[in-house]
Amino acid sequence: MKKDFQKLSVKIAHWAGSPFAFLFALVGVLIWLVIGPYFNYSSTWMLVISTISDVIIFLIVFSIQNTQNRDSKAIQLKLNELIAANQKARDSFIGLESLTDEELAQLDSEFKNLLTKLDDASPLHKLHGTISREKAKRPSFYQQAENIVDHIIKSI
């Protein structure tokens, strides 16, 4: 049963992230909106979309989380293999995902300090500078979401 659930979860995750799933949901919402006047925008009309979307979301969350857990574990194992294979890498980094947020923040701080001590000509320092400049050019996640919502509202 576990193997069947994993296979089903992968299929659901791929389908849920597809353009077809988005179009399917969009068409469903449009149909629901069109039949609104027929039902006089009643409570039952509202309850239908609410119930259907809640049930779908409820089931998909577990499925996608299952897929995400497996993907995350696979990535951790691959990184552990790379750490174990590289003699310069610190073995203590294996299992880092089990540290507390505070411990991870301390490690992050150590790496930032290390980065500032590096020679400005080092490839890592150049890469960090490039990433920082690119990040500054891009709007924040919240700004992007606001832009999308504004665009949708204007198109309606």
N, C-alpha and C. Protein backbone atom coordinates (compact mmCIF):
# COMPACT_ATOMS: atom_id res chain seq x y z
N MET A 1 0.83 -1.19 0.00
CA MET A 1 0.00 0.00 0.00
C MET A 1 0.87 1.26 0.00
N LYS A 2 1.98 1.21 0.75
CA LYS A 2 2.86 2.37 0.85
C LYS A 2 3.44 2.73 -0.52
N LYS A 3 3.85 1.72 -1.26
CA LYS A 3 4.42 1.93 -2.59
C LYS A 3 3.36 2.51 -3.55
N ASP A 4 2.13 2.00 -3.45
CA ASP A 4 1.04 2.51 -4.29
C ASP A 4 0.75 3.97 -3.97
N PHE A 5 0.76 4.31 -2.67
CA PHE A 5 0.52 5.70 -2.27
C PHE A 5 1.62 6.61 -2.81
N GLN A 6 2.87 6.14 -2.75
CA GLN A 6 3.97 6.94 -3.27
C GLN A 6 3.82 7.19 -4.77
N LYS A 7 3.48 6.15 -5.51
CA LYS A 7 3.28 6.31 -6.96
C LYS A 7 2.12 7.28 -7.25
N LEU A 8 1.03 7.12 -6.50
CA LEU A 8 -0.13 7.99 -6.68
C LEU A 8 0.23 9.43 -6.31
N SER A 9 0.99 9.61 -5.24
CA SER A 9 1.39 10.95 -4.80
C SER A 9 2.22 11.66 -5.86
N VAL A 10 3.14 10.93 -6.46
CA VAL A 10 3.97 11.52 -7.53
C VAL A 10 3.09 11.94 -8.70
N LYS A 11 2.16 11.09 -9.09
CA LYS A 11 1.27 11.43 -10.21
C LYS A 11 0.40 12.64 -9.88
N ILE A 12 -0.14 12.66 -8.66
CA ILE A 12 -0.99 13.78 -8.25
C ILE A 12 -0.19 15.08 -8.21
N ALA A 13 1.03 15.02 -7.65
CA ALA A 13 1.88 16.22 -7.56
C ALA A 13 2.20 16.75 -8.95
N HIS A 14 2.51 15.86 -9.88
CA HIS A 14 2.81 16.30 -11.25
C HIS A 14 1.56 16.87 -11.91
N TRP A 15 0.42 16.22 -11.71
CA TRP A 15 -0.81 16.71 -12.31
C TRP A 15 -1.22 18.05 -11.71
N ALA A 16 -1.14 18.15 -10.37
CA ALA A 16 -1.56 19.38 -9.69
C ALA A 16 -0.73 20.58 -10.12
N GLY A 17 0.51 20.34 -10.51
CA GLY A 17 1.37 21.43 -10.95
C GLY A 17 1.34 21.68 -12.44
N SER A 18 0.45 21.03 -13.14
CA SER A 18 0.42 21.16 -14.59
C SER A 18 -0.50 22.29 -15.05
N PRO A 19 -0.27 22.80 -16.24
CA PRO A 19 -1.18 23.81 -16.80
C PRO A 19 -2.60 23.26 -16.96
N PHE A 20 -2.70 21.98 -17.25
CA PHE A 20 -4.02 21.37 -17.41
C PHE A 20 -4.82 21.46 -16.11
N ALA A 21 -4.18 21.21 -14.98
CA ALA A 21 -4.87 21.28 -13.68
C ALA A 21 -5.34 22.71 -13.42
N PHE A 22 -4.50 23.68 -13.75
CA PHE A 22 -4.87 25.08 -13.57
C PHE A 22 -6.08 25.41 -14.44
N LEU A 23 -6.03 25.01 -15.69
CA LEU A 23 -7.16 25.29 -16.59
C LEU A 23 -8.43 24.58 -16.13
N PHE A 24 -8.28 23.35 -15.65
CA PHE A 24 -9.41 22.60 -15.13
C PHE A 24 -10.06 23.36 -13.97
N ALA A 25 -9.24 23.83 -13.04
CA ALA A 25 -9.75 24.59 -11.89
C ALA A 25 -10.39 25.90 -12.34
N LEU A 26 -9.74 26.58 -13.28
CA LEU A 26 -10.26 27.85 -13.80
C LEU A 26 -11.61 27.66 -14.47
N VAL A 27 -11.73 26.63 -15.28
CA VAL A 27 -13.02 26.34 -15.95
C VAL A 27 -14.08 26.01 -14.90
N GLY A 28 -13.70 25.24 -13.88
CA GLY A 28 -14.66 24.92 -12.81
C GLY A 28 -15.17 26.16 -12.10
N VAL A 29 -14.27 27.08 -11.80
CA VAL A 29 -14.66 28.32 -11.13
C VAL A 29 -15.54 29.17 -12.06
N LEU A 30 -15.18 29.23 -13.34
CA LEU A 30 -15.98 30.01 -14.29
C LEU A 30 -17.39 29.44 -14.42
N ILE A 31 -17.49 28.11 -14.48
CA ILE A 31 -18.81 27.48 -14.54
C ILE A 31 -19.61 27.81 -13.28
N TRP A 32 -18.94 27.73 -12.14
CA TRP A 32 -19.59 28.06 -10.87
C TRP A 32 -20.08 29.51 -10.87
N LEU A 33 -19.27 30.42 -11.40
CA LEU A 33 -19.68 31.83 -11.47
C LEU A 33 -20.86 32.03 -12.41
N VAL A 34 -20.84 31.35 -13.53
CA VAL A 34 -21.91 31.50 -14.53
C VAL A 34 -23.25 30.99 -13.99
N ILE A 35 -23.22 29.92 -13.22
CA ILE A 35 -24.49 29.39 -12.70
C ILE A 35 -24.94 30.11 -11.43
N GLY A 36 -24.16 31.05 -10.95
CA GLY A 36 -24.52 31.82 -9.76
C GLY A 36 -25.88 32.48 -9.85
N PRO A 37 -26.16 33.22 -10.94
CA PRO A 37 -27.47 33.87 -11.05
C PRO A 37 -28.63 32.87 -11.06
N TYR A 38 -28.40 31.69 -11.63
CA TYR A 38 -29.44 30.66 -11.68
C TYR A 38 -29.86 30.24 -10.27
N PHE A 39 -28.89 30.21 -9.36
CA PHE A 39 -29.18 29.84 -7.97
C PHE A 39 -29.34 31.05 -7.07
N ASN A 40 -29.48 32.23 -7.67
CA ASN A 40 -29.65 33.49 -6.93
C ASN A 40 -28.52 33.73 -5.93
N TYR A 41 -27.34 33.27 -6.28
CA TYR A 41 -26.16 33.44 -5.42
C TYR A 41 -26.45 33.01 -3.98
N SER A 42 -27.12 31.88 -3.86
CA SER A 42 -27.57 31.40 -2.55
C SER A 42 -26.42 30.84 -1.72
N SER A 43 -26.75 30.54 -0.48
CA SER A 43 -25.76 29.94 0.42
C SER A 43 -25.33 28.57 -0.09
N THR A 44 -26.27 27.84 -0.66
CA THR A 44 -25.95 26.52 -1.21
C THR A 44 -24.96 26.66 -2.35
N TRP A 45 -25.16 27.66 -3.19
CA TRP A 45 -24.26 27.93 -4.30
C TRP A 45 -22.85 28.20 -3.78
N MET A 46 -22.74 28.99 -2.72
CA MET A 46 -21.45 29.29 -2.11
C MET A 46 -20.86 28.04 -1.45
N LEU A 47 -21.71 27.25 -0.80
CA LEU A 47 -21.25 26.06 -0.09
C LEU A 47 -20.67 25.03 -1.05
N VAL A 48 -21.23 24.94 -2.24
CA VAL A 48 -20.75 23.96 -3.22
C VAL A 48 -19.28 24.20 -3.55
N ILE A 49 -18.92 25.41 -3.94
CA ILE A 49 -17.53 25.69 -4.32
C ILE A 49 -16.62 25.56 -3.11
N SER A 50 -17.09 25.99 -1.98
CA SER A 50 -16.28 25.92 -0.76
C SER A 50 -15.99 24.47 -0.39
N THR A 51 -17.00 23.64 -0.41
CA THR A 51 -16.83 22.23 -0.05
C THR A 51 -15.94 21.51 -1.04
N ILE A 52 -16.19 21.70 -2.32
CA ILE A 52 -15.39 21.02 -3.34
C ILE A 52 -13.92 21.43 -3.23
N SER A 53 -13.67 22.73 -3.12
CA SER A 53 -12.27 23.18 -3.04
C SER A 53 -11.61 22.71 -1.75
N ASP A 54 -12.33 22.72 -0.64
CA ASP A 54 -11.75 22.26 0.63
C ASP A 54 -11.36 20.79 0.58
N VAL A 55 -12.22 19.97 0.01
CA VAL A 55 -11.94 18.54 -0.07
C VAL A 55 -10.73 18.29 -0.97
N ILE A 56 -10.70 18.94 -2.12
CA ILE A 56 -9.57 18.76 -3.05
C ILE A 56 -8.27 19.22 -2.40
N ILE A 57 -8.28 20.38 -1.79
CA ILE A 57 -7.07 20.90 -1.14
C ILE A 57 -6.63 19.97 -0.01
N PHE A 58 -7.57 19.52 0.78
CA PHE A 58 -7.27 18.62 1.90
C PHE A 58 -6.54 17.37 1.42
N LEU A 59 -7.03 16.76 0.36
CA LEU A 59 -6.42 15.53 -0.14
C LEU A 59 -5.08 15.79 -0.83
N ILE A 60 -5.02 16.86 -1.60
CA ILE A 60 -3.79 17.16 -2.34
C ILE A 60 -2.65 17.54 -1.40
N VAL A 61 -2.94 18.20 -0.31
CA VAL A 61 -1.88 18.59 0.63
C VAL A 61 -1.11 17.37 1.11
N PHE A 62 -1.79 16.31 1.50
CA PHE A 62 -1.12 15.11 1.98
C PHE A 62 -0.30 14.46 0.87
N SER A 63 -0.86 14.44 -0.31
CA SER A 63 -0.17 13.83 -1.43
C SER A 63 1.10 14.60 -1.79
N ILE A 64 1.00 15.91 -1.89
CA ILE A 64 2.16 16.72 -2.25
C ILE A 64 3.19 16.70 -1.12
N GLN A 65 2.75 16.69 0.12
CA GLN A 65 3.70 16.63 1.24
C GLN A 65 4.47 15.32 1.21
N ASN A 66 3.81 14.23 0.86
CA ASN A 66 4.48 12.94 0.75
C ASN A 66 5.58 13.01 -0.30
N THR A 67 5.27 13.59 -1.44
CA THR A 67 6.26 13.74 -2.51
C THR A 67 7.39 14.65 -2.07
N GLN A 68 7.06 15.75 -1.41
CA GLN A 68 8.07 16.70 -0.94
C GLN A 68 8.99 16.06 0.10
N ASN A 69 8.44 15.26 1.00
CA ASN A 69 9.26 14.58 2.00
C ASN A 69 10.28 13.66 1.34
N ARG A 70 9.84 12.90 0.36
CA ARG A 70 10.74 11.99 -0.35
C ARG A 70 11.81 12.75 -1.12
N ASP A 71 11.41 13.82 -1.80
CA ASP A 71 12.38 14.63 -2.55
C ASP A 71 13.41 15.24 -1.61
N SER A 72 12.94 15.76 -0.50
CA SER A 72 13.84 16.38 0.47
C SER A 72 14.83 15.36 1.03
N LYS A 73 14.34 14.18 1.36
CA LYS A 73 15.21 13.13 1.89
C LYS A 73 16.23 12.70 0.83
N ALA A 74 15.81 12.59 -0.41
CA ALA A 74 16.73 12.21 -1.49
C ALA A 74 17.83 13.27 -1.65
N ILE A 75 17.46 14.53 -1.59
CA ILE A 75 18.45 15.61 -1.71
C ILE A 75 19.42 15.55 -0.54
N GLN A 76 18.91 15.32 0.68
CA GLN A 76 19.78 15.22 1.85
C GLN A 76 20.77 14.06 1.69
N LEU A 77 20.30 12.94 1.19
CA LEU A 77 21.19 11.79 1.01
C LEU A 77 22.25 12.07 -0.06
N LYS A 78 21.87 12.76 -1.12
CA LYS A 78 22.84 13.11 -2.17
C LYS A 78 23.90 14.06 -1.62
N LEU A 79 23.46 15.04 -0.84
CA LEU A 79 24.41 15.97 -0.24
C LEU A 79 25.32 15.25 0.76
N ASN A 80 24.76 14.34 1.55
CA ASN A 80 25.57 13.57 2.48
C ASN A 80 26.64 12.77 1.75
N GLU A 81 26.27 12.20 0.61
CA GLU A 81 27.23 11.45 -0.20
C GLU A 81 28.36 12.36 -0.69
N LEU A 82 28.01 13.56 -1.14
CA LEU A 82 29.03 14.50 -1.61
C LEU A 82 29.95 14.94 -0.47
N ILE A 83 29.37 15.17 0.70
CA ILE A 83 30.18 15.56 1.86
C ILE A 83 31.12 14.42 2.24
N ALA A 84 30.60 13.21 2.27
CA ALA A 84 31.42 12.06 2.65
C ALA A 84 32.53 11.81 1.63
N ALA A 85 32.27 12.09 0.36
CA ALA A 85 33.25 11.84 -0.69
C ALA A 85 34.34 12.91 -0.75
N ASN A 86 34.03 14.12 -0.29
CA ASN A 86 34.99 15.22 -0.35
C ASN A 86 35.77 15.30 0.96
N GLN A 87 37.07 15.13 0.90
CA GLN A 87 37.89 15.11 2.10
C GLN A 87 37.97 16.49 2.77
N LYS A 88 37.76 17.56 2.00
CA LYS A 88 37.84 18.90 2.57
C LYS A 88 36.54 19.30 3.28
N ALA A 89 35.45 18.62 2.94
CA ALA A 89 34.15 18.97 3.54
C ALA A 89 34.10 18.48 4.98
N ARG A 90 33.36 19.20 5.80
CA ARG A 90 33.22 18.82 7.21
C ARG A 90 32.15 17.73 7.35
N ASP A 91 32.55 16.61 7.96
CA ASP A 91 31.61 15.51 8.19
C ASP A 91 30.48 15.93 9.11
N SER A 92 30.73 16.93 9.94
CA SER A 92 29.71 17.36 10.89
C SER A 92 28.49 17.97 10.19
N PHE A 93 28.62 18.25 8.89
CA PHE A 93 27.48 18.81 8.16
C PHE A 93 26.47 17.74 7.76
N ILE A 94 26.85 16.49 7.87
CA ILE A 94 25.90 15.41 7.59
C ILE A 94 24.86 15.43 8.71
N GLY A 95 23.60 15.46 8.35
CA GLY A 95 22.53 15.51 9.34
C GLY A 95 22.21 16.91 9.81
N LEU A 96 22.66 17.90 9.07
CA LEU A 96 22.44 19.30 9.44
C LEU A 96 20.96 19.65 9.56
N GLU A 97 20.12 18.94 8.82
CA GLU A 97 18.68 19.25 8.82
C GLU A 97 18.03 19.02 10.17
N SER A 98 18.71 18.32 11.08
CA SER A 98 18.13 18.08 12.39
C SER A 98 18.48 19.16 13.41
N LEU A 99 19.27 20.17 13.00
CA LEU A 99 19.62 21.26 13.91
C LEU A 99 18.43 22.19 14.14
N THR A 100 18.50 22.93 15.23
CA THR A 100 17.45 23.91 15.52
C THR A 100 17.63 25.13 14.61
N ASP A 101 16.62 25.96 14.55
CA ASP A 101 16.71 27.18 13.74
C ASP A 101 17.84 28.08 14.22
N GLU A 102 18.03 28.14 15.52
CA GLU A 102 19.08 28.97 16.08
C GLU A 102 20.46 28.46 15.67
N GLU A 103 20.64 27.15 15.72
CA GLU A 103 21.92 26.55 15.32
C GLU A 103 22.20 26.78 13.84
N LEU A 104 21.15 26.66 13.02
CA LEU A 104 21.31 26.92 11.58
C LEU A 104 21.64 28.39 11.33
N ALA A 105 21.01 29.29 12.09
CA ALA A 105 21.30 30.72 11.94
C ALA A 105 22.74 31.01 12.32
N GLN A 106 23.25 30.33 13.35
CA GLN A 106 24.64 30.52 13.75
C GLN A 106 25.60 30.06 12.64
N LEU A 107 25.31 28.91 12.04
CA LEU A 107 26.13 28.43 10.92
C LEU A 107 26.07 29.40 9.75
N ASP A 108 24.88 29.89 9.46
CA ASP A 108 24.71 30.86 8.38
C ASP A 108 25.56 32.10 8.64
N SER A 109 25.56 32.55 9.87
CA SER A 109 26.37 33.70 10.25
C SER A 109 27.86 33.42 10.06
N GLU A 110 28.28 32.21 10.44
CA GLU A 110 29.69 31.82 10.25
C GLU A 110 30.08 31.87 8.78
N PHE A 111 29.20 31.37 7.91
CA PHE A 111 29.50 31.38 6.48
C PHE A 111 29.52 32.80 5.92
N LYS A 112 28.65 33.65 6.41
CA LYS A 112 28.67 35.04 5.95
C LYS A 112 29.97 35.72 6.37
N ASN A 113 30.42 35.44 7.61
CA ASN A 113 31.69 35.99 8.07
C ASN A 113 32.84 35.46 7.22
N LEU A 114 32.81 34.18 6.92
CA LEU A 114 33.83 33.57 6.08
C LEU A 114 33.86 34.22 4.71
N LEU A 115 32.68 34.49 4.17
CA LEU A 115 32.58 35.11 2.85
C LEU A 115 33.18 36.51 2.84
N THR A 116 32.97 37.26 3.90
CA THR A 116 33.53 38.62 3.94
C THR A 116 35.05 38.59 4.07
N LYS A 117 35.61 37.52 4.63
CA LYS A 117 37.05 37.40 4.78
C LYS A 117 37.74 36.94 3.49
N LEU A 118 36.96 36.39 2.58
CA LEU A 118 37.55 35.90 1.32
C LEU A 118 38.08 37.06 0.50
N ASP A 119 39.04 36.75 -0.30
CA ASP A 119 39.60 37.73 -1.22
C ASP A 119 38.52 38.15 -2.21
N ASP A 120 38.43 39.44 -2.51
CA ASP A 120 37.41 39.95 -3.44
C ASP A 120 37.49 39.30 -4.81
N ALA A 121 38.63 38.75 -5.16
CA ALA A 121 38.81 38.15 -6.48
C ALA A 121 38.39 36.69 -6.52
N SER A 122 38.04 36.13 -5.38
CA SER A 122 37.69 34.71 -5.38
C SER A 122 36.39 34.47 -6.13
N PRO A 123 36.28 33.33 -6.80
CA PRO A 123 35.05 33.02 -7.55
C PRO A 123 33.80 33.03 -6.67
N LEU A 124 33.93 32.54 -5.44
CA LEU A 124 32.78 32.51 -4.53
C LEU A 124 32.31 33.92 -4.21
N HIS A 125 33.23 34.81 -3.99
CA HIS A 125 32.88 36.20 -3.67
C HIS A 125 32.22 36.86 -4.87
N LYS A 126 32.75 36.60 -6.06
CA LYS A 126 32.14 37.16 -7.29
C LYS A 126 30.72 36.63 -7.47
N LEU A 127 30.56 35.32 -7.23
CA LEU A 127 29.24 34.71 -7.37
C LEU A 127 28.26 35.32 -6.38
N HIS A 128 28.69 35.48 -5.15
CA HIS A 128 27.83 36.08 -4.13
C HIS A 128 27.43 37.49 -4.53
N GLY A 129 28.37 38.26 -5.06
CA GLY A 129 28.07 39.62 -5.51
C GLY A 129 27.06 39.62 -6.65
N THR A 130 27.24 38.71 -7.59
CA THR A 130 26.31 38.60 -8.72
C THR A 130 24.91 38.24 -8.23
N ILE A 131 24.83 37.28 -7.33
CA ILE A 131 23.52 36.87 -6.79
C ILE A 131 22.87 38.03 -6.05
N SER A 132 23.63 38.75 -5.26
CA SER A 132 23.09 39.89 -4.51
C SER A 132 22.56 40.96 -5.46
N ARG A 133 23.30 41.25 -6.53
CA ARG A 133 22.84 42.27 -7.49
C ARG A 133 21.57 41.80 -8.21
N GLU A 134 21.52 40.54 -8.61
CA GLU A 134 20.33 40.01 -9.28
C GLU A 134 19.12 40.05 -8.35
N LYS A 135 19.34 39.69 -7.10
CA LYS A 135 18.25 39.68 -6.13
C LYS A 135 17.70 41.09 -5.92
N ALA A 136 18.59 42.07 -5.91
CA ALA A 136 18.17 43.46 -5.72
C ALA A 136 17.34 43.95 -6.90
N LYS A 137 17.60 43.43 -8.10
CA LYS A 137 16.86 43.85 -9.29
C LYS A 137 15.43 43.31 -9.31
N ARG A 138 15.25 42.13 -8.73
CA ARG A 138 13.96 41.45 -8.81
C ARG A 138 13.01 41.94 -7.72
N PRO A 139 11.73 42.02 -8.07
CA PRO A 139 10.76 42.41 -7.03
C PRO A 139 10.62 41.27 -6.01
N SER A 140 10.23 41.63 -4.83
CA SER A 140 10.05 40.63 -3.78
C SER A 140 8.88 39.71 -4.13
N PHE A 141 8.81 38.61 -3.43
CA PHE A 141 7.71 37.66 -3.63
C PHE A 141 6.36 38.35 -3.44
N TYR A 142 6.26 39.17 -2.40
CA TYR A 142 5.00 39.84 -2.10
C TYR A 142 4.66 40.86 -3.18
N GLN A 143 5.67 41.53 -3.72
CA GLN A 143 5.43 42.48 -4.79
C GLN A 143 4.95 41.75 -6.04
N GLN A 144 5.57 40.59 -6.33
CA GLN A 144 5.14 39.79 -7.47
C GLN A 144 3.69 39.34 -7.30
N ALA A 145 3.34 38.89 -6.09
CA ALA A 145 1.98 38.45 -5.82
C ALA A 145 1.00 39.61 -5.99
N GLU A 146 1.37 40.78 -5.50
CA GLU A 146 0.52 41.97 -5.65
C GLU A 146 0.31 42.29 -7.13
N ASN A 147 1.37 42.22 -7.91
CA ASN A 147 1.27 42.49 -9.35
C ASN A 147 0.35 41.50 -10.04
N ILE A 148 0.44 40.23 -9.67
CA ILE A 148 -0.41 39.21 -10.27
C ILE A 148 -1.87 39.46 -9.91
N VAL A 149 -2.12 39.74 -8.64
CA VAL A 149 -3.51 40.02 -8.20
C VAL A 149 -4.05 41.24 -8.91
N ASP A 150 -3.26 42.31 -8.99
CA ASP A 150 -3.69 43.53 -9.70
C ASP A 150 -4.02 43.22 -11.14
N HIS A 151 -3.17 42.42 -11.80
CA HIS A 151 -3.39 42.05 -13.21
C HIS A 151 -4.69 41.26 -13.37
N ILE A 152 -4.94 40.33 -12.45
CA ILE A 152 -6.15 39.51 -12.52
C ILE A 152 -7.38 40.39 -12.32
N ILE A 153 -7.32 41.29 -11.34
CA ILE A 153 -8.45 42.16 -11.06
C ILE A 153 -8.75 43.07 -12.25
N LYS A 154 -7.71 43.59 -12.87
CA LYS A 154 -7.90 44.47 -14.03
C LYS A 154 -8.48 43.73 -15.23
N SER A 155 -8.14 42.44 -15.35
CA SER A 155 -8.61 41.68 -16.50
C SER A 155 -10.05 41.18 -16.34
N ILE A 156 -10.60 41.28 -15.14
CA ILE A 156 -11.96 40.80 -14.89
C ILE A 156 -12.96 41.84 -15.24
